[in-house]
Amino acid sequence: MALGAALLMVVTAAGWGQVAAQTGTPELPDDATEIPEDTPEDTPEDIPDDIPDDTAEELPDDTPEDIPEESEEEIREEVPPPAPGSPFQVCVAAQRLEDGRVEMAVQRRSRGAGCGGRLLPRRRLLPADAAAGRWLVTAPLSIDDIVLRIAARRLTSGAVEVALQTRAEEDGSWGPRLLPRRRFVHAAVEVDRWLSSAPVYARAPARESYLQDAQVVSFYGHPTAPALGALGLDGPAEIAEEIDRWAARYDRLNGERDVLSAFHVITGVSQSYPTPDGTWLGRLSAQRIAEYVEVARERGMLVFLDIQIGWSDALTEVRLLEPFLREPFVHVALDPEFATLHTGIRPGLVIGSMTGEEVNEVQRFLAAIAQAEGLPPKILMVHQFTPRMLRNREAVEDFEGVDLSIDMDGFGLIPAKVAGYNAFAVPEPSEWPAFKLFFDYDTPLMTPEQVQGLDPPPDLIIYQ
């Protein structure tokens, strides 16, 4: 089979439900406070020392929530290593009020002890009607000359997720959200009872890249189309178990390197007939995308949102996904194969392409999101199996805040696949080589041992 061979399939997907982009991290409203006006905002010494250190009752096993009291040994296993100049750990405390608001506080954790007294920011109440998914922040406070604040957001389930941010001394900017391992307050939790998150180190270093110390193993497909890949064979929770089994096979082979499981979801599927908007695309609904995002959140997975482009353009389609891309673990893949507007021929009849300048537009957009939200670099994957699929490749730029990966996307005989990997995925501008394997169309399917034997081994492995 020739190197350029590819499976050209089109299906009808559910219509796209428009979702409003949510930008920035606004502060909680000024009236969201019960601190008297004469109480200093940034002086934790003014908080009484005798505030009880409440801990939550143990929650049912089927909730993601937090926070039974733990032994010192158990806590130590959950806390990331300290950064230089980070002498203490911090917990986020929260309680639900009877009117539906959530009150938040900071607790300093002393070495060898639990989370301490609650330090109350002036603005610290998450409104009961806060929009789902939108991060809000408390007023700042200072501990040992480190200025920090709490970020919180409501999830569609009604749970509240909390995080911590610290302010840089150099320019006063706020750093990335530091996410405790246990950080959720369940919608049904008892009111007026304080819960404490797992501790994090103040100023813990942000992950430079998901790929810096891990490979990614993902399954590709569309929820309603088994012919397009493994994701169509079962629900996200069930498929996640199978992905983990394949990821474990790579984890046994790659030494000290970690492995991350991922969903690779086609969100824009090229069609064999013209669509009303002229894009020849069927878009997956926001509700269906959210199903994968929520399972990934619970299981510590990544999500790639894959766009086949059609007669639209890459940047327009990526912008539609912006609310999901504000999640640190959600990334983007572009498939030039079905970008055929410049040919005047519908997708699926010819192999399409995109330009290096179009890749840069998307990178610039993703870099802005990563910077605004304090996120790790966004991964942008571009599929390629012929030279013309990525035109003007030398124009692709290196953007801070984006990890660019080019994926060898062809199927067939092993020598042809390896040649394509070396030609497209390994050379610049690809920073993290990716390799796709086809359960039904590779002849034969390469084993994880063979994949790991590539030079260099791929950083991202996709199974279709």
Protein backbone atom coordinates (compact mmCIF):
# COMPACT_ATOMS: atom_id res chain seq x y z
CA MET A 1 0.00 0.00 0.00
CA ALA A 2 1.41 3.42 -0.92
CA LEU A 3 2.55 5.77 1.80
CA GLY A 4 -0.16 8.27 0.92
CA ALA A 5 -3.00 5.78 1.37
CA ALA A 6 -5.69 6.93 3.75
CA LEU A 7 -9.15 5.90 4.76
CA LEU A 8 -11.60 8.51 3.51
CA MET A 9 -14.89 8.28 5.38
CA VAL A 10 -17.61 10.79 6.08
CA VAL A 11 -20.51 10.56 8.48
CA THR A 12 -23.32 12.76 9.65
CA ALA A 13 -22.68 14.16 13.13
CA ALA A 14 -24.96 15.90 15.56
CA GLY A 15 -25.37 19.64 15.04
CA TRP A 16 -23.16 21.97 17.02
CA GLY A 17 -24.67 23.60 20.09
CA GLN A 18 -23.22 27.07 20.41
CA VAL A 19 -21.42 27.72 23.68
CA ALA A 20 -20.40 31.14 24.89
CA ALA A 21 -16.68 31.71 25.45
CA GLN A 22 -15.73 32.57 28.99
CA THR A 23 -12.77 34.84 29.34
CA GLY A 24 -10.61 35.97 32.20
CA THR A 25 -10.91 35.27 35.90
CA PRO A 26 -13.09 38.03 37.40
CA GLU A 27 -13.04 38.66 41.10
CA LEU A 28 -15.98 37.77 43.28
CA PRO A 29 -18.34 40.75 43.63
CA ASP A 30 -17.58 43.31 46.29
CA ASP A 31 -20.84 42.59 48.10
CA ALA A 32 -19.93 38.91 48.38
CA THR A 33 -18.39 39.37 51.80
CA GLU A 34 -19.22 39.16 55.45
CA ILE A 35 -15.98 40.71 56.66
CA PRO A 36 -16.57 44.12 58.31
CA GLU A 37 -15.21 47.03 56.32
CA ASP A 38 -12.64 47.81 59.00
CA THR A 39 -11.07 44.36 58.79
CA PRO A 40 -7.69 44.47 57.01
CA GLU A 41 -7.70 42.44 53.82
CA ASP A 42 -4.21 41.00 53.90
CA THR A 43 -3.47 40.40 57.56
CA PRO A 44 -4.00 36.80 58.58
CA GLU A 45 -2.87 37.67 62.09
CA ASP A 46 -6.28 39.27 62.64
CA ILE A 47 -8.04 35.93 62.25
CA PRO A 48 -8.64 34.32 65.68
CA ASP A 49 -6.35 31.45 66.51
CA ASP A 50 -9.14 29.46 68.11
CA ILE A 51 -11.17 28.82 64.97
CA PRO A 52 -11.77 25.06 65.03
CA ASP A 53 -9.99 22.96 62.44
CA ASP A 54 -13.07 21.17 61.13
CA THR A 55 -12.70 18.17 58.90
CA ALA A 56 -15.38 16.64 56.75
CA GLU A 57 -17.22 13.50 57.49
CA GLU A 58 -16.18 10.75 55.14
CA LEU A 59 -18.06 11.02 51.86
CA PRO A 60 -19.48 8.13 49.83
CA ASP A 61 -17.06 6.37 47.52
CA ASP A 62 -18.95 7.46 44.42
CA THR A 63 -18.30 11.17 44.92
CA PRO A 64 -15.13 12.96 43.75
CA GLU A 65 -15.13 15.07 46.87
CA ASP A 66 -12.71 15.70 49.47
CA ILE A 67 -11.75 15.48 52.45
CA PRO A 68 -11.70 12.98 55.20
CA GLU A 69 -8.90 13.52 57.69
CA GLU A 70 -5.75 11.69 56.66
CA SER A 71 -2.56 10.52 58.22
CA GLU A 72 0.67 12.46 57.70
CA GLU A 73 2.03 9.67 55.54
CA GLU A 74 -0.99 9.72 53.23
CA ILE A 75 -0.87 13.48 52.86
CA ARG A 76 2.83 13.49 52.06
CA GLU A 77 2.25 11.18 49.10
CA GLU A 78 -0.24 13.60 47.55
CA VAL A 79 1.75 16.82 47.80
CA PRO A 80 4.03 17.79 44.90
CA PRO A 81 7.69 18.48 45.75
CA PRO A 82 8.31 22.01 46.98
CA ALA A 83 9.75 24.68 44.75
CA PRO A 84 12.72 26.75 45.93
CA GLY A 85 11.44 29.52 48.18
CA SER A 86 8.17 27.71 48.95
CA PRO A 87 8.47 26.99 52.67
CA PHE A 88 4.90 26.03 53.44
CA GLN A 89 1.84 24.19 52.25
CA VAL A 90 -1.66 25.60 51.88
CA CYS A 91 -5.12 24.03 51.95
CA VAL A 92 -8.26 25.61 50.56
CA ALA A 93 -11.23 25.44 52.94
CA ALA A 94 -14.83 25.77 51.77
CA GLN A 95 -18.33 25.47 53.16
CA ARG A 96 -21.76 25.61 51.53
CA LEU A 97 -24.15 28.17 52.95
CA GLU A 98 -27.88 27.68 53.23
CA ASP A 99 -28.56 30.20 50.43
CA GLY A 100 -26.42 28.22 47.96
CA ARG A 101 -23.29 30.34 48.09
CA VAL A 102 -19.92 28.77 48.89
CA GLU A 103 -17.59 30.48 51.37
CA MET A 104 -13.85 29.94 50.98
CA ALA A 105 -10.78 30.39 53.12
CA VAL A 106 -7.07 29.58 53.13
CA GLN A 107 -5.41 27.31 55.70
CA ARG A 108 -1.69 27.20 56.27
CA ARG A 109 -0.47 23.70 56.98
CA SER A 110 2.36 23.40 59.48
CA ARG A 111 4.96 20.70 59.07
CA GLY A 112 3.87 17.52 60.83
CA ALA A 113 0.34 18.84 61.44
CA GLY A 114 -2.96 19.20 59.63
CA CYS A 115 -4.45 22.25 57.92
CA GLY A 116 -4.53 25.14 60.39
CA GLY A 117 -6.85 28.03 61.19
CA ARG A 118 -8.90 29.54 58.40
CA LEU A 119 -7.68 32.84 56.93
CA LEU A 120 -10.63 34.67 55.37
CA PRO A 121 -10.18 36.82 52.24
CA ARG A 122 -12.41 39.89 52.18
CA ARG A 123 -14.21 38.73 49.04
CA ARG A 124 -14.68 35.03 49.48
CA LEU A 125 -18.26 33.98 48.60
CA LEU A 126 -18.93 32.16 45.33
CA PRO A 127 -22.43 33.25 44.19
CA ALA A 128 -25.15 30.62 44.04
CA ASP A 129 -25.88 31.61 40.43
CA ALA A 130 -22.26 31.65 39.18
CA ALA A 131 -22.07 30.41 35.60
CA ALA A 132 -20.92 26.82 35.29
CA GLY A 133 -17.30 26.49 34.23
CA ARG A 134 -16.31 30.10 34.88
CA TRP A 135 -13.43 30.66 37.28
CA LEU A 136 -13.90 33.43 39.86
CA VAL A 137 -11.27 34.59 42.35
CA THR A 138 -11.30 35.84 45.92
CA ALA A 139 -9.59 38.94 47.20
CA PRO A 140 -5.88 38.31 47.85
CA LEU A 141 -4.21 37.83 51.19
CA SER A 142 -0.59 37.52 52.27
CA ILE A 143 1.25 34.79 54.16
CA ASP A 144 4.98 35.21 54.84
CA ASP A 145 5.20 37.84 52.07
CA ILE A 146 3.61 35.47 49.55
CA VAL A 147 0.41 36.94 48.12
CA LEU A 148 -2.18 34.37 47.14
CA ARG A 149 -5.84 33.99 46.29
CA ILE A 150 -8.40 31.24 45.80
CA ALA A 151 -9.95 30.46 42.41
CA ALA A 152 -13.24 28.58 42.29
CA ARG A 153 -15.84 27.55 39.76
CA ARG A 154 -19.09 25.67 39.66
CA LEU A 155 -19.29 22.56 37.49
CA THR A 156 -22.37 21.49 35.59
CA SER A 157 -22.87 18.75 38.17
CA GLY A 158 -23.31 21.38 40.88
CA ALA A 159 -19.99 20.56 42.53
CA VAL A 160 -17.50 23.37 43.16
CA GLU A 161 -13.83 23.05 42.20
CA VAL A 162 -11.20 25.11 44.04
CA ALA A 163 -7.60 26.02 43.26
CA LEU A 164 -4.87 28.36 44.51
CA GLN A 165 -2.96 31.13 42.72
CA THR A 166 0.08 33.09 43.87
CA ARG A 167 1.27 36.49 42.69
CA ALA A 168 4.71 36.88 41.14
CA GLU A 169 7.01 39.28 42.97
CA GLU A 170 8.64 40.43 39.74
CA ASP A 171 5.67 41.85 37.84
CA GLY A 172 2.63 41.27 40.04
CA SER A 173 1.05 38.80 37.61
CA TRP A 174 -0.95 35.84 38.87
CA GLY A 175 0.50 32.40 38.28
CA PRO A 176 -1.21 29.23 37.08
CA ARG A 177 -3.97 27.63 39.13
CA LEU A 178 -2.46 25.09 41.51
CA LEU A 179 -4.91 22.21 41.75
CA PRO A 180 -4.98 20.14 44.95
CA ARG A 181 -5.51 16.47 44.29
CA ARG A 182 -8.72 16.57 46.33
CA ARG A 183 -10.43 19.83 45.50
CA PHE A 184 -14.19 19.30 44.95
CA VAL A 185 -17.11 20.27 47.16
CA HIS A 186 -20.12 18.13 46.31
CA ALA A 187 -23.48 19.75 45.56
CA ALA A 188 -25.18 17.71 48.27
CA VAL A 189 -22.63 18.27 51.04
CA GLU A 190 -23.99 19.36 54.43
CA VAL A 191 -24.34 23.14 54.77
CA ASP A 192 -22.25 25.17 57.22
CA ARG A 193 -19.59 22.51 57.52
CA TRP A 194 -16.05 23.42 56.53
CA LEU A 195 -14.14 21.05 54.23
CA SER A 196 -10.41 21.20 53.53
CA SER A 197 -8.71 20.34 50.27
CA ALA A 198 -5.51 18.36 49.97
CA PRO A 199 -2.48 20.63 50.54
CA VAL A 200 -0.34 22.17 47.82
CA TYR A 201 2.94 24.01 48.09
CA ALA A 202 2.68 27.75 47.62
CA ARG A 203 4.41 28.67 44.38
CA ALA A 204 4.65 25.07 43.28
CA PRO A 205 6.23 25.00 39.81
CA ALA A 206 3.76 24.74 36.97
CA ARG A 207 4.13 21.78 34.63
CA GLU A 208 6.16 23.02 31.69
CA SER A 209 4.52 20.50 29.40
CA TYR A 210 2.38 17.41 29.70
CA LEU A 211 4.91 15.79 27.39
CA GLN A 212 8.08 16.69 29.26
CA ASP A 213 8.04 13.48 31.29
CA ALA A 214 5.25 11.40 29.77
CA GLN A 215 4.06 9.71 26.62
CA VAL A 216 0.41 10.02 25.63
CA VAL A 217 -1.61 6.99 24.50
CA SER A 218 -5.01 7.82 23.03
CA PHE A 219 -7.98 6.24 21.25
CA TYR A 220 -9.38 8.11 18.25
CA GLY A 221 -12.92 8.30 16.95
CA HIS A 222 -16.43 9.71 17.01
CA PRO A 223 -19.03 8.80 19.65
CA THR A 224 -21.69 7.80 17.11
CA ALA A 225 -19.57 6.25 14.34
CA PRO A 226 -17.71 3.00 15.12
CA ALA A 227 -16.29 3.02 11.57
CA LEU A 228 -14.27 6.12 12.44
CA GLY A 229 -12.41 4.61 15.37
CA ALA A 230 -12.43 2.94 18.73
CA LEU A 231 -14.21 5.76 20.58
CA GLY A 232 -17.41 4.82 18.78
CA LEU A 233 -17.46 1.30 20.23
CA ASP A 234 -18.55 2.18 23.77
CA GLY A 235 -19.18 5.01 26.21
CA PRO A 236 -16.33 7.21 27.45
CA ALA A 237 -16.03 5.58 30.88
CA GLU A 238 -15.83 2.06 29.38
CA ILE A 239 -13.42 3.08 26.62
CA ALA A 240 -11.21 4.79 29.21
CA GLU A 241 -10.60 1.42 30.85
CA GLU A 242 -9.38 -0.03 27.56
CA ILE A 243 -7.16 2.98 26.88
CA ASP A 244 -5.59 2.52 30.30
CA ARG A 245 -4.80 -1.11 29.47
CA TRP A 246 -2.94 -0.07 26.32
CA ALA A 247 -1.22 2.77 28.15
CA ALA A 248 0.02 0.29 30.76
CA ARG A 249 1.74 -1.71 28.03
CA TYR A 250 3.76 1.37 27.06
CA ASP A 251 4.42 2.23 30.68
CA ARG A 252 6.19 -1.13 31.09
CA LEU A 253 8.49 -0.29 28.18
CA ASN A 254 9.52 3.35 28.59
CA GLY A 255 11.59 3.28 31.78
CA GLU A 256 11.10 6.23 34.12
CA ARG A 257 8.83 8.06 31.70
CA ASP A 258 5.17 8.27 32.69
CA VAL A 259 2.19 7.50 30.43
CA LEU A 260 -0.99 9.56 30.13
CA SER A 261 -4.21 8.15 28.69
CA ALA A 262 -6.25 10.36 26.36
CA PHE A 263 -9.45 10.62 24.35
CA HIS A 264 -8.98 11.78 20.75
CA VAL A 265 -12.49 12.94 19.81
CA ILE A 266 -13.48 14.03 16.30
CA THR A 267 -15.59 17.13 16.91
CA GLY A 268 -15.83 18.37 13.32
CA VAL A 269 -16.54 15.59 10.80
CA SER A 270 -16.42 16.19 7.05
CA GLN A 271 -19.61 15.39 5.15
CA SER A 272 -20.33 13.96 1.71
CA TYR A 273 -23.07 16.55 1.13
CA PRO A 274 -23.18 20.35 1.49
CA THR A 275 -24.23 21.63 4.91
CA PRO A 276 -26.43 24.73 5.36
CA ASP A 277 -23.46 26.82 6.47
CA GLY A 278 -21.36 25.73 3.49
CA THR A 279 -18.60 24.14 5.59
CA TRP A 280 -19.30 20.47 4.72
CA LEU A 281 -18.85 19.79 8.43
CA GLY A 282 -21.01 18.07 11.03
CA ARG A 283 -20.11 19.33 14.49
CA LEU A 284 -20.35 17.31 17.66
CA SER A 285 -22.60 18.91 20.25
CA ALA A 286 -21.12 20.63 23.27
CA GLN A 287 -23.02 18.20 25.47
CA ARG A 288 -21.35 15.17 23.88
CA ILE A 289 -17.92 16.78 24.07
CA ALA A 290 -18.52 17.55 27.75
CA GLU A 291 -19.11 13.85 28.46
CA TYR A 292 -15.52 13.08 27.48
CA VAL A 293 -14.15 16.16 29.23
CA GLU A 294 -15.82 15.22 32.51
CA VAL A 295 -14.66 11.59 32.40
CA ALA A 296 -11.15 12.82 31.60
CA ARG A 297 -11.29 15.25 34.51
CA GLU A 298 -12.25 12.49 36.93
CA ARG A 299 -9.64 10.03 35.65
CA GLY A 300 -6.69 12.38 35.09
CA MET A 301 -6.74 11.92 31.30
CA LEU A 302 -6.12 14.31 28.40
CA VAL A 303 -8.63 15.15 25.66
CA PHE A 304 -7.81 16.02 22.04
CA LEU A 305 -10.56 17.75 20.07
CA ASP A 306 -10.00 16.83 16.42
CA ILE A 307 -11.25 19.00 13.54
CA GLN A 308 -11.44 17.81 9.94
CA ILE A 309 -11.86 21.46 8.76
CA GLY A 310 -13.84 20.77 5.55
CA TRP A 311 -14.62 24.05 3.77
CA SER A 312 -14.32 26.06 6.96
CA ASP A 313 -10.96 27.27 8.28
CA ALA A 314 -9.00 25.91 11.22
CA LEU A 315 -9.03 29.03 13.39
CA THR A 316 -12.79 29.51 13.09
CA GLU A 317 -13.43 25.91 14.15
CA VAL A 318 -10.95 26.04 17.04
CA ARG A 319 -12.57 29.22 18.36
CA LEU A 320 -15.87 27.35 18.68
CA LEU A 321 -14.16 25.03 21.16
CA GLU A 322 -12.72 27.80 23.33
CA PRO A 323 -14.71 27.06 26.52
CA PHE A 324 -13.31 23.52 26.56
CA LEU A 325 -9.79 24.71 25.74
CA ARG A 326 -9.72 26.69 28.98
CA GLU A 327 -9.34 23.34 30.70
CA PRO A 328 -5.63 22.54 31.22
CA PHE A 329 -6.03 18.96 29.93
CA VAL A 330 -7.94 19.71 26.70
CA HIS A 331 -5.96 20.08 23.47
CA VAL A 332 -6.46 20.36 19.69
CA ALA A 333 -5.78 18.26 16.59
CA LEU A 334 -6.20 19.42 12.99
CA ASP A 335 -6.75 17.13 10.00
CA PRO A 336 -5.74 18.83 6.72
CA GLU A 337 -6.81 15.73 4.77
CA PHE A 338 -10.37 17.05 4.61
CA ALA A 339 -9.56 20.77 4.14
CA THR A 340 -10.44 20.99 0.43
CA LEU A 341 -11.93 24.46 -0.05
CA HIS A 342 -8.91 25.58 -2.10
CA THR A 343 -9.51 22.70 -4.53
CA GLY A 344 -13.20 23.35 -5.07
CA ILE A 345 -13.83 19.62 -4.54
CA ARG A 346 -15.86 18.29 -1.64
CA PRO A 347 -14.04 16.56 1.25
CA GLY A 348 -13.34 12.88 0.82
CA LEU A 349 -12.71 12.93 -2.94
CA VAL A 350 -9.24 14.47 -2.82
CA ILE A 351 -6.61 14.84 -0.09
CA GLY A 352 -6.74 18.37 1.27
CA SER A 353 -4.14 20.57 2.89
CA MET A 354 -3.45 23.58 5.07
CA THR A 355 -0.57 26.06 5.19
CA GLY A 356 2.06 26.84 7.75
CA GLU A 357 0.49 30.28 8.20
CA GLU A 358 -2.85 28.66 9.11
CA VAL A 359 -1.07 26.52 11.71
CA ASN A 360 0.47 29.69 13.15
CA GLU A 361 -2.95 31.34 13.48
CA VAL A 362 -4.17 28.45 15.61
CA GLN A 363 -0.96 28.38 17.64
CA ARG A 364 -1.28 32.09 18.36
CA PHE A 365 -4.84 31.61 19.58
CA LEU A 366 -3.92 28.64 21.81
CA ALA A 367 -0.89 30.47 23.23
CA ALA A 368 -3.13 33.38 24.23
CA ILE A 369 -5.49 31.04 26.09
CA ALA A 370 -2.60 29.35 27.90
CA GLN A 371 -1.19 32.71 28.95
CA ALA A 372 -4.52 34.21 30.02
CA GLU A 373 -5.53 31.15 32.03
CA GLY A 374 -2.10 30.28 33.45
CA LEU A 375 -2.19 26.85 31.81
CA PRO A 376 0.51 24.41 30.76
CA PRO A 377 1.30 24.59 27.04
CA LYS A 378 -1.53 23.56 24.77
CA ILE A 379 -0.73 20.61 22.53
CA LEU A 380 -1.54 21.21 18.87
CA MET A 381 -1.38 18.09 16.71
CA VAL A 382 -1.42 18.28 12.92
CA HIS A 383 -2.04 15.06 10.96
CA GLN A 384 0.10 14.42 7.88
CA PHE A 385 0.80 11.49 5.56
CA THR A 386 1.71 13.24 2.28
CA PRO A 387 4.08 16.17 1.69
CA ARG A 388 1.32 18.44 0.32
CA MET A 389 -0.96 18.09 3.34
CA LEU A 390 1.10 20.74 5.16
CA ARG A 391 2.10 23.36 2.61
CA ASN A 392 4.77 25.94 3.37
CA ARG A 393 5.84 23.87 6.35
CA GLU A 394 8.95 25.98 6.84
CA ALA A 395 6.72 28.95 7.77
CA VAL A 396 5.48 27.24 10.93
CA GLU A 397 6.73 29.20 13.95
CA ASP A 398 7.63 28.21 17.50
CA PHE A 399 5.12 29.66 19.98
CA GLU A 400 5.67 29.77 23.72
CA GLY A 401 2.65 28.15 25.30
CA VAL A 402 2.10 25.62 22.51
CA ASP A 403 3.60 22.15 22.05
CA LEU A 404 3.42 21.38 18.33
CA SER A 405 3.13 17.75 17.31
CA ILE A 406 2.94 16.38 13.77
CA ASP A 407 1.36 12.95 13.52
CA MET A 408 2.18 10.31 10.93
CA ASP A 409 -1.43 9.50 10.04
CA GLY A 410 -1.15 6.94 7.24
CA PHE A 411 -1.97 3.25 7.48
CA GLY A 412 -0.52 0.25 5.69
CA LEU A 413 2.71 -1.73 5.72
CA ILE A 414 5.19 -1.15 8.53
CA PRO A 415 8.07 0.09 6.30
CA ALA A 416 5.81 2.71 4.73
CA LYS A 417 4.52 3.86 8.10
CA VAL A 418 8.03 4.14 9.53
CA ALA A 419 9.19 6.07 6.46
CA GLY A 420 6.28 8.48 6.90
CA TYR A 421 7.05 8.90 10.58
CA ASN A 422 10.65 9.82 9.82
CA ALA A 423 9.61 12.15 6.99
CA PHE A 424 6.74 14.03 8.64
CA ALA A 425 6.57 13.52 12.42
CA VAL A 426 10.21 13.72 13.45
CA PRO A 427 11.67 16.73 11.54
CA GLU A 428 11.07 20.36 12.51
CA PRO A 429 8.78 22.12 13.08
CA SER A 430 7.37 19.09 14.93
CA GLU A 431 8.48 19.31 18.54
CA TRP A 432 6.83 16.11 19.77
CA PRO A 433 6.53 13.31 17.17
CA ALA A 434 3.21 11.45 17.02
CA PHE A 435 2.32 8.11 15.43
CA LYS A 436 -1.11 6.71 14.58
CA LEU A 437 -1.91 3.01 14.43
CA PHE A 438 -5.00 1.47 12.83
CA PHE A 439 -6.48 -1.64 14.44
CA ASP A 440 -8.15 -2.79 11.22
CA TYR A 441 -6.05 -1.31 8.41
CA ASP A 442 -2.38 -1.64 9.39
CA THR A 443 -0.74 -4.75 7.90
CA PRO A 444 0.22 -5.89 10.48
CA LEU A 445 -0.53 -3.76 13.55
CA MET A 446 2.77 -2.79 15.14
CA THR A 447 3.28 -3.95 18.70
CA PRO A 448 4.07 -1.48 21.51
CA GLU A 449 7.58 -2.94 21.50
CA GLN A 450 7.98 -2.08 17.80
CA VAL A 451 6.57 1.41 18.33
CA GLN A 452 8.95 2.04 21.21
CA GLY A 453 11.77 0.85 18.95
CA LEU A 454 11.30 3.82 16.61
CA ASP A 455 14.09 6.39 16.69
CA PRO A 456 13.01 8.52 18.44
CA PRO A 457 10.05 6.82 20.10
CA PRO A 458 6.86 8.83 19.53
CA ASP A 459 5.71 11.15 22.29
CA LEU A 460 2.07 10.64 21.33
CA ILE A 461 0.52 7.36 20.16
CA ILE A 462 -2.97 7.30 18.67
CA TYR A 463 -5.03 4.16 18.06
CA GLN A 464 -7.86 4.29 15.53
